[in-house]
Amino acid sequence: MQELEQWKEHVSHFWNVANDYLRELPPNQLYAAVAIAVFTTLLLLILRFLNRTKSNTIVLTGLSGSGKTVLFYQLRDGSTHQGTVTSMEPNEDTFTLHGETTKKGKIKPVHIVDVPGHSRLRPKLDEYLPQAAGVVFVVDALDFLPNCRAASEYLYDLLTKGSVVRKKIPLLILCNKADKVTAHTKEFIRRQLEKEIDKLRSSRSAVSEADVTNEFTLGVAGEPFSFTQCSNKVTTADASGLTGEISQLEEFIIEYVKP
């Protein structure tokens, strides 16, 4: 208690000294001092805001077996690492995109996080979303229909997360394995996901609010669901992790992780 009282006395003393000093200042100098203090405060706030918004993190997510880890290695090394197994821990690294290594000029390193798709491991996603500049939701275009419902549920949960909605984090639905003859087109996959999410919207709205874990709802009441109704930008693209055709994925990353 004695130390606290001494601290209060010191603060009071400094406050009185500062007050006396300000009273002695001519009005012009006082106004200048106040203007400098206000300008400095605003500048610090702007710099803090810019530092917070210039994220270089891209999150790869999607169902298990969709090919996220192969895409991760293609982005980093330009190779498949002779195939991969299902990840049980997030796979992350900061690097210059392999496709950018030969380019000249200012290139910003990218922090890529490959989040496991297993349902028990998805909570790890919440650790990375607040820092994400963009999210890539990987879909297996070859084996899409049997997994359409599960992919739609995962995507619904992702698009209704507070961190995604409030920050309007752009999301790319990446249709992997598009090189296969029997792979579904990105247009077909987009339409099917929209239809499934529309069904989910109806079924989940019928559940009491106490039982729903989603922070936000999707779409416009009374209208069929479309990704264009989302607060964040949702786009679709093709890729093939095995052949290394990931140009559309790289374009998405470069668009949202700028030097």
Protein backbone atom coordinates (compact mmCIF):
# COMPACT_ATOMS: atom_id res chain seq x y z
CA MET A 1 0.00 0.00 0.00
CA GLN A 2 2.88 2.35 0.84
CA GLU A 3 4.44 1.77 -2.61
CA LEU A 4 1.10 2.51 -4.26
CA GLU A 5 0.78 5.80 -2.39
CA GLN A 6 4.31 6.77 -3.41
CA TRP A 7 3.48 5.96 -7.03
CA LYS A 8 0.35 8.13 -6.83
CA GLU A 9 2.40 10.99 -5.42
CA HIS A 10 4.92 10.72 -8.29
CA VAL A 11 2.14 10.73 -10.89
CA SER A 12 0.47 13.73 -9.22
CA HIS A 13 3.79 15.59 -9.13
CA PHE A 14 4.51 15.00 -12.81
CA TRP A 15 0.96 16.02 -13.72
CA ASN A 16 1.30 19.32 -11.83
CA VAL A 17 4.70 20.02 -13.44
CA ALA A 18 3.27 19.32 -16.90
CA ASN A 19 0.27 21.56 -16.19
CA ASP A 20 2.48 24.44 -15.05
CA TYR A 21 4.68 24.04 -18.14
CA LEU A 22 1.71 24.10 -20.52
CA ARG A 23 0.28 27.23 -18.84
CA GLU A 24 3.56 29.06 -19.41
CA LEU A 25 3.64 28.21 -23.13
CA PRO A 26 2.48 30.91 -25.60
CA PRO A 27 -0.79 29.95 -27.32
CA ASN A 28 0.90 29.37 -30.69
CA GLN A 29 3.39 26.89 -29.24
CA LEU A 30 0.66 25.17 -27.28
CA TYR A 31 -1.46 24.68 -30.41
CA ALA A 32 1.58 23.39 -32.29
CA ALA A 33 2.37 20.90 -29.51
CA VAL A 34 -1.23 19.65 -29.49
CA ALA A 35 -1.25 19.34 -33.30
CA ILE A 36 2.01 17.34 -33.26
CA ALA A 37 0.66 15.04 -30.54
CA VAL A 38 -2.58 14.43 -32.48
CA PHE A 39 -0.72 13.86 -35.77
CA THR A 40 1.72 11.42 -34.12
CA THR A 41 -1.14 9.47 -32.53
CA LEU A 42 -3.03 9.23 -35.83
CA LEU A 43 0.13 8.16 -37.67
CA LEU A 44 0.80 5.39 -35.15
CA LEU A 45 -2.80 4.17 -35.43
CA ILE A 46 -2.60 4.13 -39.25
CA LEU A 47 0.69 2.23 -39.21
CA ARG A 48 -0.73 -0.26 -36.74
CA PHE A 49 -3.80 -0.75 -38.95
CA LEU A 50 -1.68 -1.26 -42.08
CA ASN A 51 0.59 -3.76 -40.36
CA ARG A 52 -2.44 -5.70 -39.18
CA THR A 53 -4.09 -5.85 -42.61
CA LYS A 54 -0.99 -6.78 -44.64
CA SER A 55 -1.06 -10.46 -43.88
CA ASN A 56 0.91 -12.98 -45.93
CA THR A 57 -0.87 -16.10 -44.63
CA ILE A 58 -2.86 -18.33 -46.99
CA VAL A 59 -4.78 -21.23 -45.45
CA LEU A 60 -5.27 -24.46 -47.43
CA THR A 61 -8.18 -26.52 -46.17
CA GLY A 62 -10.77 -29.05 -47.37
CA LEU A 63 -11.72 -32.69 -46.86
CA SER A 64 -9.06 -35.34 -46.27
CA GLY A 65 -7.72 -36.78 -49.52
CA SER A 66 -8.49 -33.69 -51.61
CA GLY A 67 -4.79 -33.14 -52.34
CA LYS A 68 -3.95 -30.16 -50.11
CA THR A 69 -0.50 -31.39 -49.12
CA VAL A 70 0.55 -32.11 -52.72
CA LEU A 71 -0.50 -28.55 -53.59
CA PHE A 72 1.54 -27.26 -50.65
CA TYR A 73 4.70 -28.94 -51.98
CA GLN A 74 4.00 -27.78 -55.53
CA LEU A 75 3.75 -24.20 -54.29
CA ARG A 76 6.95 -24.48 -52.30
CA ASP A 77 9.19 -26.84 -54.29
CA GLY A 78 7.49 -27.42 -57.63
CA SER A 79 7.25 -31.15 -56.92
CA THR A 80 4.83 -33.69 -55.42
CA HIS A 81 7.41 -35.19 -53.03
CA GLN A 82 6.50 -38.54 -54.64
CA GLY A 83 3.02 -38.43 -53.20
CA THR A 84 1.93 -37.76 -49.63
CA VAL A 85 -0.08 -39.32 -46.84
CA THR A 86 -3.01 -37.75 -45.01
CA SER A 87 -1.70 -35.02 -42.69
CA MET A 88 -2.46 -35.25 -38.98
CA GLU A 89 -0.81 -31.93 -38.09
CA PRO A 90 -0.84 -28.56 -39.86
CA ASN A 91 1.88 -28.37 -42.50
CA GLU A 92 3.21 -24.80 -42.68
CA ASP A 93 6.14 -22.85 -44.01
CA THR A 94 7.08 -19.36 -45.21
CA PHE A 95 8.65 -19.21 -48.67
CA THR A 96 8.72 -17.58 -52.08
CA LEU A 97 6.31 -19.33 -54.43
CA HIS A 98 8.23 -21.75 -56.65
CA GLY A 99 6.68 -20.17 -59.72
CA GLU A 100 7.97 -16.75 -58.62
CA THR A 101 11.59 -17.71 -57.90
CA THR A 102 12.82 -16.77 -61.40
CA LYS A 103 11.02 -13.41 -61.47
CA LYS A 104 12.75 -10.13 -60.74
CA GLY A 105 11.50 -7.33 -58.55
CA LYS A 106 9.97 -7.21 -55.10
CA ILE A 107 8.38 -10.52 -54.14
CA LYS A 108 6.77 -11.05 -50.75
CA PRO A 109 7.31 -14.44 -49.07
CA VAL A 110 4.07 -16.33 -48.43
CA HIS A 111 3.12 -18.16 -45.26
CA ILE A 112 1.18 -21.25 -46.38
CA VAL A 113 -0.69 -23.37 -43.84
CA ASP A 114 -2.05 -26.79 -44.87
CA VAL A 115 -4.73 -27.59 -42.26
CA PRO A 116 -5.70 -31.30 -41.92
CA GLY A 117 -9.16 -32.11 -43.26
CA HIS A 118 -10.08 -34.71 -40.64
CA SER A 119 -13.14 -33.55 -38.70
CA ARG A 120 -11.42 -33.97 -35.32
CA LEU A 121 -8.54 -31.75 -36.41
CA ARG A 122 -10.55 -28.93 -37.99
CA PRO A 123 -10.64 -26.81 -34.79
CA LYS A 124 -6.98 -26.03 -35.58
CA LEU A 125 -8.36 -23.91 -38.42
CA ASP A 126 -9.49 -21.30 -35.89
CA GLU A 127 -5.86 -20.70 -34.90
CA TYR A 128 -4.95 -19.50 -38.39
CA LEU A 129 -8.07 -17.83 -39.83
CA PRO A 130 -7.71 -14.51 -37.91
CA GLN A 131 -4.34 -13.93 -39.64
CA ALA A 132 -5.38 -15.20 -43.08
CA ALA A 133 -5.13 -13.03 -46.19
CA GLY A 134 -7.06 -15.71 -48.08
CA VAL A 135 -8.47 -19.22 -47.75
CA VAL A 136 -8.21 -21.99 -50.35
CA PHE A 137 -10.90 -24.68 -49.99
CA VAL A 138 -9.63 -27.71 -51.93
CA VAL A 139 -12.17 -30.06 -53.53
CA ASP A 140 -11.45 -33.42 -55.17
CA ALA A 141 -12.93 -32.85 -58.65
CA LEU A 142 -12.55 -36.52 -59.53
CA ASP A 143 -14.39 -37.97 -56.55
CA PHE A 144 -16.65 -34.99 -55.91
CA LEU A 145 -20.22 -36.36 -55.90
CA PRO A 146 -19.80 -38.94 -53.07
CA ASN A 147 -18.22 -36.18 -50.94
CA CYS A 148 -20.44 -33.30 -52.00
CA ARG A 149 -22.53 -33.28 -48.81
CA ALA A 150 -19.52 -33.45 -46.48
CA ALA A 151 -17.66 -30.76 -48.45
CA SER A 152 -20.74 -28.51 -48.37
CA GLU A 153 -21.09 -28.87 -44.60
CA TYR A 154 -17.43 -28.01 -44.08
CA LEU A 155 -17.68 -25.06 -46.46
CA TYR A 156 -20.88 -23.84 -44.77
CA ASP A 157 -19.15 -23.86 -41.38
CA LEU A 158 -16.16 -22.04 -42.84
CA LEU A 159 -18.20 -19.31 -44.51
CA THR A 160 -20.19 -18.63 -41.32
CA LYS A 161 -17.17 -18.24 -39.04
CA GLY A 162 -16.94 -14.79 -37.47
CA SER A 163 -13.30 -14.30 -38.43
CA VAL A 164 -14.10 -14.95 -42.10
CA VAL A 165 -17.27 -12.83 -42.22
CA ARG A 166 -16.00 -9.84 -40.24
CA LYS A 167 -12.69 -9.59 -42.13
CA LYS A 168 -14.30 -10.56 -45.45
CA ILE A 169 -11.50 -13.03 -46.11
CA PRO A 170 -11.52 -14.02 -49.81
CA LEU A 171 -12.07 -17.73 -50.45
CA LEU A 172 -11.06 -19.80 -53.46
CA ILE A 173 -12.81 -23.11 -54.14
CA LEU A 174 -10.00 -25.01 -55.84
CA CYS A 175 -11.10 -28.03 -57.88
CA ASN A 176 -8.05 -30.29 -57.71
CA LYS A 177 -7.29 -33.28 -59.99
CA ALA A 178 -8.92 -31.41 -62.88
CA ASP A 179 -6.50 -33.07 -65.32
CA LYS A 180 -8.39 -36.37 -65.09
CA VAL A 181 -10.83 -37.12 -67.93
CA THR A 182 -13.71 -37.95 -65.58
CA ALA A 183 -13.14 -34.94 -63.29
CA HIS A 184 -16.11 -32.59 -62.83
CA THR A 185 -15.84 -29.01 -64.08
CA LYS A 186 -15.48 -26.12 -61.66
CA GLU A 187 -18.84 -24.73 -62.86
CA PHE A 188 -20.61 -28.01 -62.04
CA ILE A 189 -18.92 -28.21 -58.63
CA ARG A 190 -19.86 -24.62 -57.81
CA ARG A 191 -23.53 -25.20 -58.70
CA GLN A 192 -23.72 -28.43 -56.67
CA LEU A 193 -22.13 -26.82 -53.64
CA GLU A 194 -24.59 -23.93 -53.84
CA LYS A 195 -27.52 -26.38 -53.99
CA GLU A 196 -26.26 -28.38 -51.01
CA ILE A 197 -25.56 -25.28 -48.94
CA ASP A 198 -29.07 -24.04 -49.75
CA LYS A 199 -30.45 -27.28 -48.29
CA LEU A 200 -28.21 -26.90 -45.25
CA ARG A 201 -29.46 -23.37 -44.75
CA SER A 202 -33.04 -24.59 -44.57
CA SER A 203 -32.33 -27.50 -42.25
CA ARG A 204 -30.13 -25.50 -39.89
CA SER A 205 -32.54 -22.59 -39.67
CA ALA A 206 -35.14 -25.06 -38.40
CA VAL A 207 -32.89 -25.95 -35.47
CA SER A 208 -33.16 -23.83 -32.36
CA GLU A 209 -30.50 -21.14 -32.01
CA ALA A 210 -29.21 -22.81 -28.85
CA ASP A 211 -28.17 -25.84 -30.89
CA VAL A 212 -26.49 -23.97 -33.74
CA THR A 213 -22.77 -23.26 -33.41
CA ASN A 214 -22.40 -21.05 -36.51
CA GLU A 215 -21.77 -17.39 -35.74
CA PHE A 216 -23.45 -16.03 -38.88
CA THR A 217 -26.04 -17.16 -41.42
CA LEU A 218 -25.62 -17.42 -45.19
CA GLY A 219 -27.54 -16.03 -48.10
CA VAL A 220 -30.69 -13.95 -48.51
CA ALA A 221 -33.96 -15.09 -46.99
CA GLY A 222 -36.44 -16.36 -49.59
CA GLU A 223 -33.81 -16.68 -52.35
CA PRO A 224 -31.79 -19.72 -53.53
CA PHE A 225 -28.30 -19.60 -52.12
CA SER A 226 -25.48 -18.29 -54.29
CA PHE A 227 -21.85 -17.62 -53.34
CA THR A 228 -22.35 -14.08 -54.66
CA GLN A 229 -24.50 -13.45 -51.55
CA CYS A 230 -21.56 -14.00 -49.20
CA SER A 231 -19.98 -10.97 -47.52
CA ASN A 232 -16.56 -12.17 -48.69
CA LYS A 233 -15.52 -12.85 -52.28
CA VAL A 234 -15.85 -16.53 -53.28
CA THR A 235 -14.32 -17.73 -56.56
CA THR A 236 -13.62 -21.10 -58.20
CA ALA A 237 -10.57 -22.40 -60.06
CA ASP A 238 -9.03 -25.58 -61.47
CA ALA A 239 -5.75 -27.22 -60.48
CA SER A 240 -3.80 -30.43 -60.72
CA GLY A 241 -1.36 -31.04 -57.91
CA LEU A 242 0.14 -34.11 -59.55
CA THR A 243 0.94 -32.45 -62.88
CA GLY A 244 1.91 -29.12 -61.31
CA GLU A 245 -0.80 -27.09 -63.06
CA ILE A 246 -1.44 -24.61 -60.23
CA SER A 247 -1.33 -21.28 -62.09
CA GLN A 248 -4.82 -20.22 -60.98
CA LEU A 249 -3.94 -21.01 -57.37
CA GLU A 250 -0.76 -18.94 -57.62
CA GLU A 251 -2.71 -16.04 -59.16
CA PHE A 252 -5.11 -16.07 -56.20
CA ILE A 253 -2.23 -16.01 -53.71
CA ILE A 254 -0.37 -13.24 -55.56
CA GLU A 255 -3.57 -11.15 -55.70
CA TYR A 256 -4.05 -11.17 -51.93
CA VAL A 257 -0.44 -11.33 -50.71
CA LYS A 258 1.09 -8.21 -52.17
CA PRO A 259 4.64 -6.87 -51.63
